[in-house]
Each structure stands twice: as C-alpha cells, then as structure tokens.
Amino acid sequence: MHTNPRDNWLQEVGDFCVATLEDLNDKAQEGEYVSPTDQTMTDLCMGYLFLLSVCNTEGLLDPSKIQNSIDKNITIH
C-alpha cells in the first residue's frame, strides 16, 4: 500500500475509520440511538476510505507519480 514510512499516517487514519465504523455499526445493531453526529462520522469515514481506496487503485499516492502529475489537472470522481 504505502511504501514510504512518512505516509503511514494515511493508513493509520484508515484504521481509525474502520474502528469507528465498527463501533457505530455495533451501536446501530444493538438498537441504540444513532445521532446525526454519528451519521456524519459514518459518512466522513466512508468517504475517506473510498478516496484512499481510489488513490491506491490509481497509484496516485506513488511518489514518482505525484511528482509527474503536479502540473496536471486531475479530478477524482
């Protein structure tokens, strides 16, 4: 995934998102109240994990590709 040690924070945030989603899913499964804040956090974590996945799939986090695409206009959908 990330070969550069300084990029480990990206995976750490991803791990935090996975743990948060598990906690929120457990809360919902147990029938506890899911607040609007919980829903916002779910959306935020899902969005981060999706974008991280797209960036990894497209190789956008590869340092050599980052340098080569600095001058390019790239939009991720």
PDB file of N, CA and C in Angstrom:
ATOM      1  N   MET A   1       0.836  -1.184   0.000  1.00  0.00           N
ATOM      2  CA  MET A   1       0.000   0.000   0.000  1.00  0.00           C
ATOM      3  C   MET A   1       0.880   1.246   0.000  1.00  0.00           C
ATOM      4  N   HIS A   2       1.348   1.686   1.154  1.00  0.00           N
ATOM      5  CA  HIS A   2       2.211   2.855   1.234  1.00  0.00           C
ATOM      6  C   HIS A   2       3.609   2.377   1.584  1.00  0.00           C
ATOM      7  N   THR A   3       4.565   2.631   0.695  1.00  0.00           N
ATOM      8  CA  THR A   3       5.921   2.174   0.923  1.00  0.00           C
ATOM      9  C   THR A   3       6.745   3.189   1.697  1.00  0.00           C
ATOM     10  N   ASN A   4       6.357   4.424   1.679  1.00  0.00           N
ATOM     11  CA  ASN A   4       7.086   5.468   2.366  1.00  0.00           C
ATOM     12  C   ASN A   4       6.616   5.547   3.818  1.00  0.00           C
ATOM     13  N   PRO A   5       7.552   5.405   4.794  1.00  0.00           N
ATOM     14  CA  PRO A   5       7.146   5.437   6.209  1.00  0.00           C
ATOM     15  C   PRO A   5       6.410   6.707   6.608  1.00  0.00           C
ATOM     16  N   ARG A   6       6.726   7.827   5.960  1.00  0.00           N
ATOM     17  CA  ARG A   6       6.035   9.065   6.336  1.00  0.00           C
ATOM     18  C   ARG A   6       4.578   9.057   5.893  1.00  0.00           C
ATOM     19  N   ASP A   7       4.216   8.123   5.025  1.00  0.00           N
ATOM     20  CA  ASP A   7       2.835   8.019   4.566  1.00  0.00           C
ATOM     21  C   ASP A   7       2.003   7.073   5.425  1.00  0.00           C
ATOM     22  N   ASN A   8       2.597   6.520   6.484  1.00  0.00           N
ATOM     23  CA  ASN A   8       1.860   5.597   7.349  1.00  0.00           C
ATOM     24  C   ASN A   8       0.648   6.257   7.989  1.00  0.00           C
ATOM     25  N   TRP A   9       0.671   7.563   8.142  1.00  0.00           N
ATOM     26  CA  TRP A   9      -0.457   8.241   8.767  1.00  0.00           C
ATOM     27  C   TRP A   9      -1.729   8.060   7.949  1.00  0.00           C
ATOM     28  N   LEU A  10      -1.585   7.907   6.631  1.00  0.00           N
ATOM     29  CA  LEU A  10      -2.766   7.680   5.800  1.00  0.00           C
ATOM     30  C   LEU A  10      -3.449   6.377   6.197  1.00  0.00           C
ATOM     31  N   GLN A  11      -2.659   5.323   6.390  1.00  0.00           N
ATOM     32  CA  GLN A  11      -3.206   4.037   6.806  1.00  0.00           C
ATOM     33  C   GLN A  11      -3.718   4.103   8.241  1.00  0.00           C
ATOM     34  N   GLU A  12      -3.026   4.850   9.103  1.00  0.00           N
ATOM     35  CA  GLU A  12      -3.477   4.989  10.489  1.00  0.00           C
ATOM     36  C   GLU A  12      -4.848   5.653  10.553  1.00  0.00           C
ATOM     37  N   VAL A  13      -5.061   6.665   9.736  1.00  0.00           N
ATOM     38  CA  VAL A  13      -6.385   7.305   9.677  1.00  0.00           C
ATOM     39  C   VAL A  13      -7.405   6.303   9.148  1.00  0.00           C
ATOM     40  N   GLY A  14      -7.013   5.516   8.146  1.00  0.00           N
ATOM     41  CA  GLY A  14      -7.901   4.478   7.623  1.00  0.00           C
ATOM     42  C   GLY A  14      -8.271   3.464   8.693  1.00  0.00           C
ATOM     43  N   ASP A  15      -7.280   3.050   9.488  1.00  0.00           N
ATOM     44  CA  ASP A  15      -7.544   2.106  10.577  1.00  0.00           C
ATOM     45  C   ASP A  15      -8.491   2.712  11.608  1.00  0.00           C
ATOM     46  N   PHE A  16      -8.290   3.998  11.913  1.00  0.00           N
ATOM     47  CA  PHE A  16      -9.182   4.691  12.841  1.00  0.00           C
ATOM     48  C   PHE A  16     -10.606   4.722  12.284  1.00  0.00           C
ATOM     49  N   CYS A  17     -10.731   4.971  10.992  1.00  0.00           N
ATOM     50  CA  CYS A  17     -12.055   4.997  10.358  1.00  0.00           C
ATOM     51  C   CYS A  17     -12.732   3.633  10.441  1.00  0.00           C
ATOM     52  N   VAL A  18     -11.972   2.575  10.183  1.00  0.00           N
ATOM     53  CA  VAL A  18     -12.541   1.222  10.255  1.00  0.00           C
ATOM     54  C   VAL A  18     -13.026   0.936  11.672  1.00  0.00           C
ATOM     55  N   ALA A  19     -12.210   1.263  12.676  1.00  0.00           N
ATOM     56  CA  ALA A  19     -12.602   1.025  14.072  1.00  0.00           C
ATOM     57  C   ALA A  19     -13.835   1.848  14.439  1.00  0.00           C
ATOM     58  N   THR A  20     -13.880   3.085  13.984  1.00  0.00           N
ATOM     59  CA  THR A  20     -15.027   3.949  14.263  1.00  0.00           C
ATOM     60  C   THR A  20     -16.290   3.395  13.621  1.00  0.00           C
ATOM     61  N   LEU A  21     -16.180   2.946  12.379  1.00  0.00           N
ATOM     62  CA  LEU A  21     -17.339   2.368  11.694  1.00  0.00           C
ATOM     63  C   LEU A  21     -17.817   1.100  12.391  1.00  0.00           C
ATOM     64  N   GLU A  22     -16.892   0.287  12.883  1.00  0.00           N
ATOM     65  CA  GLU A  22     -17.280  -0.919  13.623  1.00  0.00           C
ATOM     66  C   GLU A  22     -18.047  -0.548  14.883  1.00  0.00           C
ATOM     67  N   ASP A  23     -17.553   0.453  15.623  1.00  0.00           N
ATOM     68  CA  ASP A  23     -18.237   0.895  16.842  1.00  0.00           C
ATOM     69  C   ASP A  23     -19.632   1.436  16.535  1.00  0.00           C
ATOM     70  N   LEU A  24     -19.733   2.248  15.497  1.00  0.00           N
ATOM     71  CA  LEU A  24     -21.032   2.822  15.148  1.00  0.00           C
ATOM     72  C   LEU A  24     -21.994   1.757  14.625  1.00  0.00           C
ATOM     73  N   ASN A  25     -21.466   0.777  13.912  1.00  0.00           N
ATOM     74  CA  ASN A  25     -22.302  -0.324  13.440  1.00  0.00           C
ATOM     75  C   ASN A  25     -22.815  -1.145  14.621  1.00  0.00           C
ATOM     76  N   ASP A  26     -21.940  -1.428  15.577  1.00  0.00           N
ATOM     77  CA  ASP A  26     -22.366  -2.153  16.781  1.00  0.00           C
ATOM     78  C   ASP A  26     -23.464  -1.386  17.506  1.00  0.00           C
ATOM     79  N   LYS A  27     -23.301  -0.087  17.608  1.00  0.00           N
ATOM     80  CA  LYS A  27     -24.294   0.761  18.270  1.00  0.00           C
ATOM     81  C   LYS A  27     -25.652   0.630  17.578  1.00  0.00           C
ATOM     82  N   ALA A  28     -25.640   0.689  16.257  1.00  0.00           N
ATOM     83  CA  ALA A  28     -26.890   0.580  15.497  1.00  0.00           C
ATOM     84  C   ALA A  28     -27.484  -0.817  15.625  1.00  0.00           C
ATOM     85  N   GLN A  29     -26.645  -1.844  15.575  1.00  0.00           N
ATOM     86  CA  GLN A  29     -27.117  -3.231  15.674  1.00  0.00           C
ATOM     87  C   GLN A  29     -27.749  -3.519  17.034  1.00  0.00           C
ATOM     88  N   GLU A  30     -27.256  -2.837  18.069  1.00  0.00           N
ATOM     89  CA  GLU A  30     -27.795  -3.036  19.419  1.00  0.00           C
ATOM     90  C   GLU A  30     -29.040  -2.198  19.668  1.00  0.00           C
ATOM     91  N   GLY A  31     -29.469  -1.462  18.657  1.00  0.00           N
ATOM     92  CA  GLY A  31     -30.691  -0.679  18.771  1.00  0.00           C
ATOM     93  C   GLY A  31     -30.521   0.630  19.514  1.00  0.00           C
ATOM     94  N   GLU A  32     -29.285   1.043  19.730  1.00  0.00           N
ATOM     95  CA  GLU A  32     -29.045   2.317  20.395  1.00  0.00           C
ATOM     96  C   GLU A  32     -29.324   3.472  19.433  1.00  0.00           C
ATOM     97  N   TYR A  33     -29.557   4.632  20.007  1.00  0.00           N
ATOM     98  CA  TYR A  33     -29.834   5.833  19.219  1.00  0.00           C
ATOM     99  C   TYR A  33     -28.605   6.215  18.398  1.00  0.00           C
ATOM    100  N   VAL A  34     -28.799   6.389  17.107  1.00  0.00           N
ATOM    101  CA  VAL A  34     -27.738   6.849  16.206  1.00  0.00           C
ATOM    102  C   VAL A  34     -28.005   8.326  15.933  1.00  0.00           C
ATOM    103  N   SER A  35     -27.164   9.160  16.501  1.00  0.00           N
ATOM    104  CA  SER A  35     -27.362  10.605  16.406  1.00  0.00           C
ATOM    105  C   SER A  35     -26.937  11.132  15.036  1.00  0.00           C
ATOM    106  N   PRO A  36     -27.358  12.346  14.716  1.00  0.00           N
ATOM    107  CA  PRO A  36     -26.883  12.966  13.475  1.00  0.00           C
ATOM    108  C   PRO A  36     -25.349  13.068  13.433  1.00  0.00           C
ATOM    109  N   THR A  37     -24.736  13.275  14.584  1.00  0.00           N
ATOM    110  CA  THR A  37     -23.269  13.318  14.647  1.00  0.00           C
ATOM    111  C   THR A  37     -22.680  11.960  14.298  1.00  0.00           C
ATOM    112  N   ASP A  38     -23.304  10.889  14.793  1.00  0.00           N
ATOM    113  CA  ASP A  38     -22.858   9.535  14.444  1.00  0.00           C
ATOM    114  C   ASP A  38     -22.964   9.314  12.936  1.00  0.00           C
ATOM    115  N   GLN A  39     -24.054   9.762  12.348  1.00  0.00           N
ATOM    116  CA  GLN A  39     -24.249   9.597  10.910  1.00  0.00           C
ATOM    117  C   GLN A  39     -23.225  10.402  10.124  1.00  0.00           C
ATOM    118  N   THR A  40     -22.937  11.612  10.593  1.00  0.00           N
ATOM    119  CA  THR A  40     -21.915  12.433   9.937  1.00  0.00           C
ATOM    120  C   THR A  40     -20.557  11.753  10.000  1.00  0.00           C
ATOM    121  N   MET A  41     -20.218  11.189  11.154  1.00  0.00           N
ATOM    122  CA  MET A  41     -18.936  10.495  11.299  1.00  0.00           C
ATOM    123  C   MET A  41     -18.888   9.267  10.394  1.00  0.00           C
ATOM    124  N   THR A  42     -20.001   8.567  10.275  1.00  0.00           N
ATOM    125  CA  THR A  42     -20.069   7.418   9.368  1.00  0.00           C
ATOM    126  C   THR A  42     -19.808   7.859   7.932  1.00  0.00           C
ATOM    127  N   ASP A  43     -20.471   8.921   7.514  1.00  0.00           N
ATOM    128  CA  ASP A  43     -20.283   9.434   6.151  1.00  0.00           C
ATOM    129  C   ASP A  43     -18.841   9.879   5.918  1.00  0.00           C
ATOM    130  N   LEU A  44     -18.266  10.554   6.899  1.00  0.00           N
ATOM    131  CA  LEU A  44     -16.893  11.033   6.782  1.00  0.00           C
ATOM    132  C   LEU A  44     -15.910   9.870   6.657  1.00  0.00           C
ATOM    133  N   CYS A  45     -16.067   8.865   7.508  1.00  0.00           N
ATOM    134  CA  CYS A  45     -15.180   7.698   7.464  1.00  0.00           C
ATOM    135  C   CYS A  45     -15.335   6.927   6.159  1.00  0.00           C
ATOM    136  N   MET A  46     -16.559   6.736   5.720  1.00  0.00           N
ATOM    137  CA  MET A  46     -16.787   6.024   4.460  1.00  0.00           C
ATOM    138  C   MET A  46     -16.167   6.793   3.290  1.00  0.00           C
ATOM    139  N   GLY A  47     -16.328   8.096   3.299  1.00  0.00           N
ATOM    140  CA  GLY A  47     -15.748   8.917   2.241  1.00  0.00           C
ATOM    141  C   GLY A  47     -14.231   8.840   2.227  1.00  0.00           C
ATOM    142  N   TYR A  48     -13.623   8.904   3.404  1.00  0.00           N
ATOM    143  CA  TYR A  48     -12.160   8.815   3.484  1.00  0.00           C
ATOM    144  C   TYR A  48     -11.681   7.468   2.965  1.00  0.00           C
ATOM    145  N   LEU A  49     -12.315   6.397   3.412  1.00  0.00           N
ATOM    146  CA  LEU A  49     -11.893   5.064   2.976  1.00  0.00           C
ATOM    147  C   LEU A  49     -12.083   4.888   1.471  1.00  0.00           C
ATOM    148  N   PHE A  50     -13.155   5.443   0.934  1.00  0.00           N
ATOM    149  CA  PHE A  50     -13.377   5.368  -0.509  1.00  0.00           C
ATOM    150  C   PHE A  50     -12.274   6.105  -1.269  1.00  0.00           C
ATOM    151  N   LEU A  51     -11.986   7.337  -0.856  1.00  0.00           N
ATOM    152  CA  LEU A  51     -10.955   8.112  -1.546  1.00  0.00           C
ATOM    153  C   LEU A  51      -9.576   7.479  -1.401  1.00  0.00           C
ATOM    154  N   LEU A  52      -9.274   6.930  -0.227  1.00  0.00           N
ATOM    155  CA  LEU A  52      -7.998   6.244  -0.032  1.00  0.00           C
ATOM    156  C   LEU A  52      -7.900   5.047  -0.965  1.00  0.00           C
ATOM    157  N   SER A  53      -8.991   4.318  -1.103  1.00  0.00           N
ATOM    158  CA  SER A  53      -9.020   3.162  -1.997  1.00  0.00           C
ATOM    159  C   SER A  53      -8.808   3.581  -3.450  1.00  0.00           C
ATOM    160  N   VAL A  54      -9.493   4.636  -3.878  1.00  0.00           N
ATOM    161  CA  VAL A  54      -9.343   5.123  -5.253  1.00  0.00           C
ATOM    162  C   VAL A  54      -7.905   5.580  -5.498  1.00  0.00           C
ATOM    163  N   CYS A  55      -7.347   6.315  -4.561  1.00  0.00           N
ATOM    164  CA  CYS A  55      -5.968   6.792  -4.714  1.00  0.00           C
ATOM    165  C   CYS A  55      -4.991   5.629  -4.800  1.00  0.00           C
ATOM    166  N   ASN A  56      -5.197   4.604  -3.984  1.00  0.00           N
ATOM    167  CA  ASN A  56      -4.323   3.432  -4.035  1.00  0.00           C
ATOM    168  C   ASN A  56      -4.496   2.675  -5.344  1.00  0.00           C
ATOM    169  N   THR A  57      -5.730   2.499  -5.773  1.00  0.00           N
ATOM    170  CA  THR A  57      -6.006   1.773  -7.014  1.00  0.00           C
ATOM    171  C   THR A  57      -5.396   2.479  -8.220  1.00  0.00           C
ATOM    172  N   GLU A  58      -5.498   3.787  -8.238  1.00  0.00           N
ATOM    173  CA  GLU A  58      -4.991   4.577  -9.364  1.00  0.00           C
ATOM    174  C   GLU A  58      -3.506   4.899  -9.237  1.00  0.00           C
ATOM    175  N   GLY A  59      -2.903   4.523  -8.116  1.00  0.00           N
ATOM    176  CA  GLY A  59      -1.480   4.791  -7.911  1.00  0.00           C
ATOM    177  C   GLY A  59      -1.167   6.251  -7.656  1.00  0.00           C
ATOM    178  N   LEU A  60      -2.151   7.002  -7.196  1.00  0.00           N
ATOM    179  CA  LEU A  60      -1.960   8.437  -7.001  1.00  0.00           C
ATOM    180  C   LEU A  60      -1.076   8.771  -5.810  1.00  0.00           C
ATOM    181  N   LEU A  61      -0.839   7.799  -4.935  1.00  0.00           N
ATOM    182  CA  LEU A  61      -0.002   8.048  -3.772  1.00  0.00           C
ATOM    183  C   LEU A  61       1.443   7.610  -3.994  1.00  0.00           C
ATOM    184  N   ASP A  62       1.741   7.113  -5.177  1.00  0.00           N
ATOM    185  CA  ASP A  62       3.105   6.733  -5.541  1.00  0.00           C
ATOM    186  C   ASP A  62       3.911   8.018  -5.727  1.00  0.00           C
ATOM    187  N   PRO A  63       4.982   8.206  -4.937  1.00  0.00           N
ATOM    188  CA  PRO A  63       5.744   9.465  -5.012  1.00  0.00           C
ATOM    189  C   PRO A  63       6.210   9.828  -6.422  1.00  0.00           C
ATOM    190  N   SER A  64       6.583   8.848  -7.225  1.00  0.00           N
ATOM    191  CA  SER A  64       7.035   9.168  -8.584  1.00  0.00           C
ATOM    192  C   SER A  64       5.885   9.697  -9.438  1.00  0.00           C
ATOM    193  N   LYS A  65       4.696   9.170  -9.230  1.00  0.00           N
ATOM    194  CA  LYS A  65       3.543   9.649  -9.992  1.00  0.00           C
ATOM    195  C   LYS A  65       3.073  11.012  -9.499  1.00  0.00           C
ATOM    196  N   ILE A  66       3.240  11.256  -8.200  1.00  0.00           N
ATOM    197  CA  ILE A  66       2.849  12.561  -7.665  1.00  0.00           C
ATOM    198  C   ILE A  66       3.688  13.648  -8.321  1.00  0.00           C
ATOM    199  N   GLN A  67       4.988  13.427  -8.382  1.00  0.00           N
ATOM    200  CA  GLN A  67       5.881  14.414  -8.988  1.00  0.00           C
ATOM    201  C   GLN A  67       5.540  14.638 -10.454  1.00  0.00           C
ATOM    202  N   ASN A  68       5.201  13.575 -11.168  1.00  0.00           N
ATOM    203  CA  ASN A  68       4.894  13.689 -12.594  1.00  0.00           C
ATOM    204  C   ASN A  68       3.542  14.330 -12.866  1.00  0.00           C
ATOM    205  N   SER A  69       2.652  14.335 -11.888  1.00  0.00           N
ATOM    206  CA  SER A  69       1.305  14.858 -12.130  1.00  0.00           C
ATOM    207  C   SER A  69       1.047  16.197 -11.455  1.00  0.00           C
ATOM    208  N   ILE A  70       2.074  16.792 -10.876  1.00  0.00           N
ATOM    209  CA  ILE A  70       1.882  18.064 -10.182  1.00  0.00           C
ATOM    210  C   ILE A  70       1.318  19.125 -11.124  1.00  0.00           C
ATOM    211  N   ASP A  71       1.780  19.138 -12.353  1.00  0.00           N
ATOM    212  CA  ASP A  71       1.331  20.156 -13.301  1.00  0.00           C
ATOM    213  C   ASP A  71       0.056  19.767 -14.033  1.00  0.00           C
ATOM    214  N   LYS A  72      -0.484  18.591 -13.752  1.00  0.00           N
ATOM    215  CA  LYS A  72      -1.687  18.133 -14.437  1.00  0.00           C
ATOM    216  C   LYS A  72      -2.914  18.432 -13.587  1.00  0.00           C
ATOM    217  N   ASN A  73      -4.034  18.644 -14.247  1.00  0.00           N
ATOM    218  CA  ASN A  73      -5.300  18.867 -13.570  1.00  0.00           C
ATOM    219  C   ASN A  73      -6.028  17.530 -13.515  1.00  0.00           C
ATOM    220  N   ILE A  74      -6.066  16.906 -12.324  1.00  0.00           N
ATOM    221  CA  ILE A  74      -6.688  15.593 -12.169  1.00  0.00           C
ATOM    222  C   ILE A  74      -7.874  15.724 -11.223  1.00  0.00           C
ATOM    223  N   THR A  75      -9.006  15.223 -11.649  1.00  0.00           N
ATOM    224  CA  THR A  75     -10.202  15.213 -10.821  1.00  0.00           C
ATOM    225  C   THR A  75     -10.577  13.774 -10.531  1.00  0.00           C
ATOM    226  N   ILE A  76     -10.810  13.474  -9.255  1.00  0.00           N
ATOM    227  CA  ILE A  76     -11.229  12.131  -8.859  1.00  0.00           C
ATOM    228  C   ILE A  76     -12.729  12.159  -8.632  1.00  0.00           C
ATOM    229  N   HIS A  77     -13.446  11.266  -9.299  1.00  0.00           N
ATOM    230  CA  HIS A  77     -14.903  11.184  -9.132  1.00  0.00           C
ATOM    231  C   HIS A  77     -15.256   9.901  -8.441  1.00  0.00           C
TER     232      HIS A  77
END
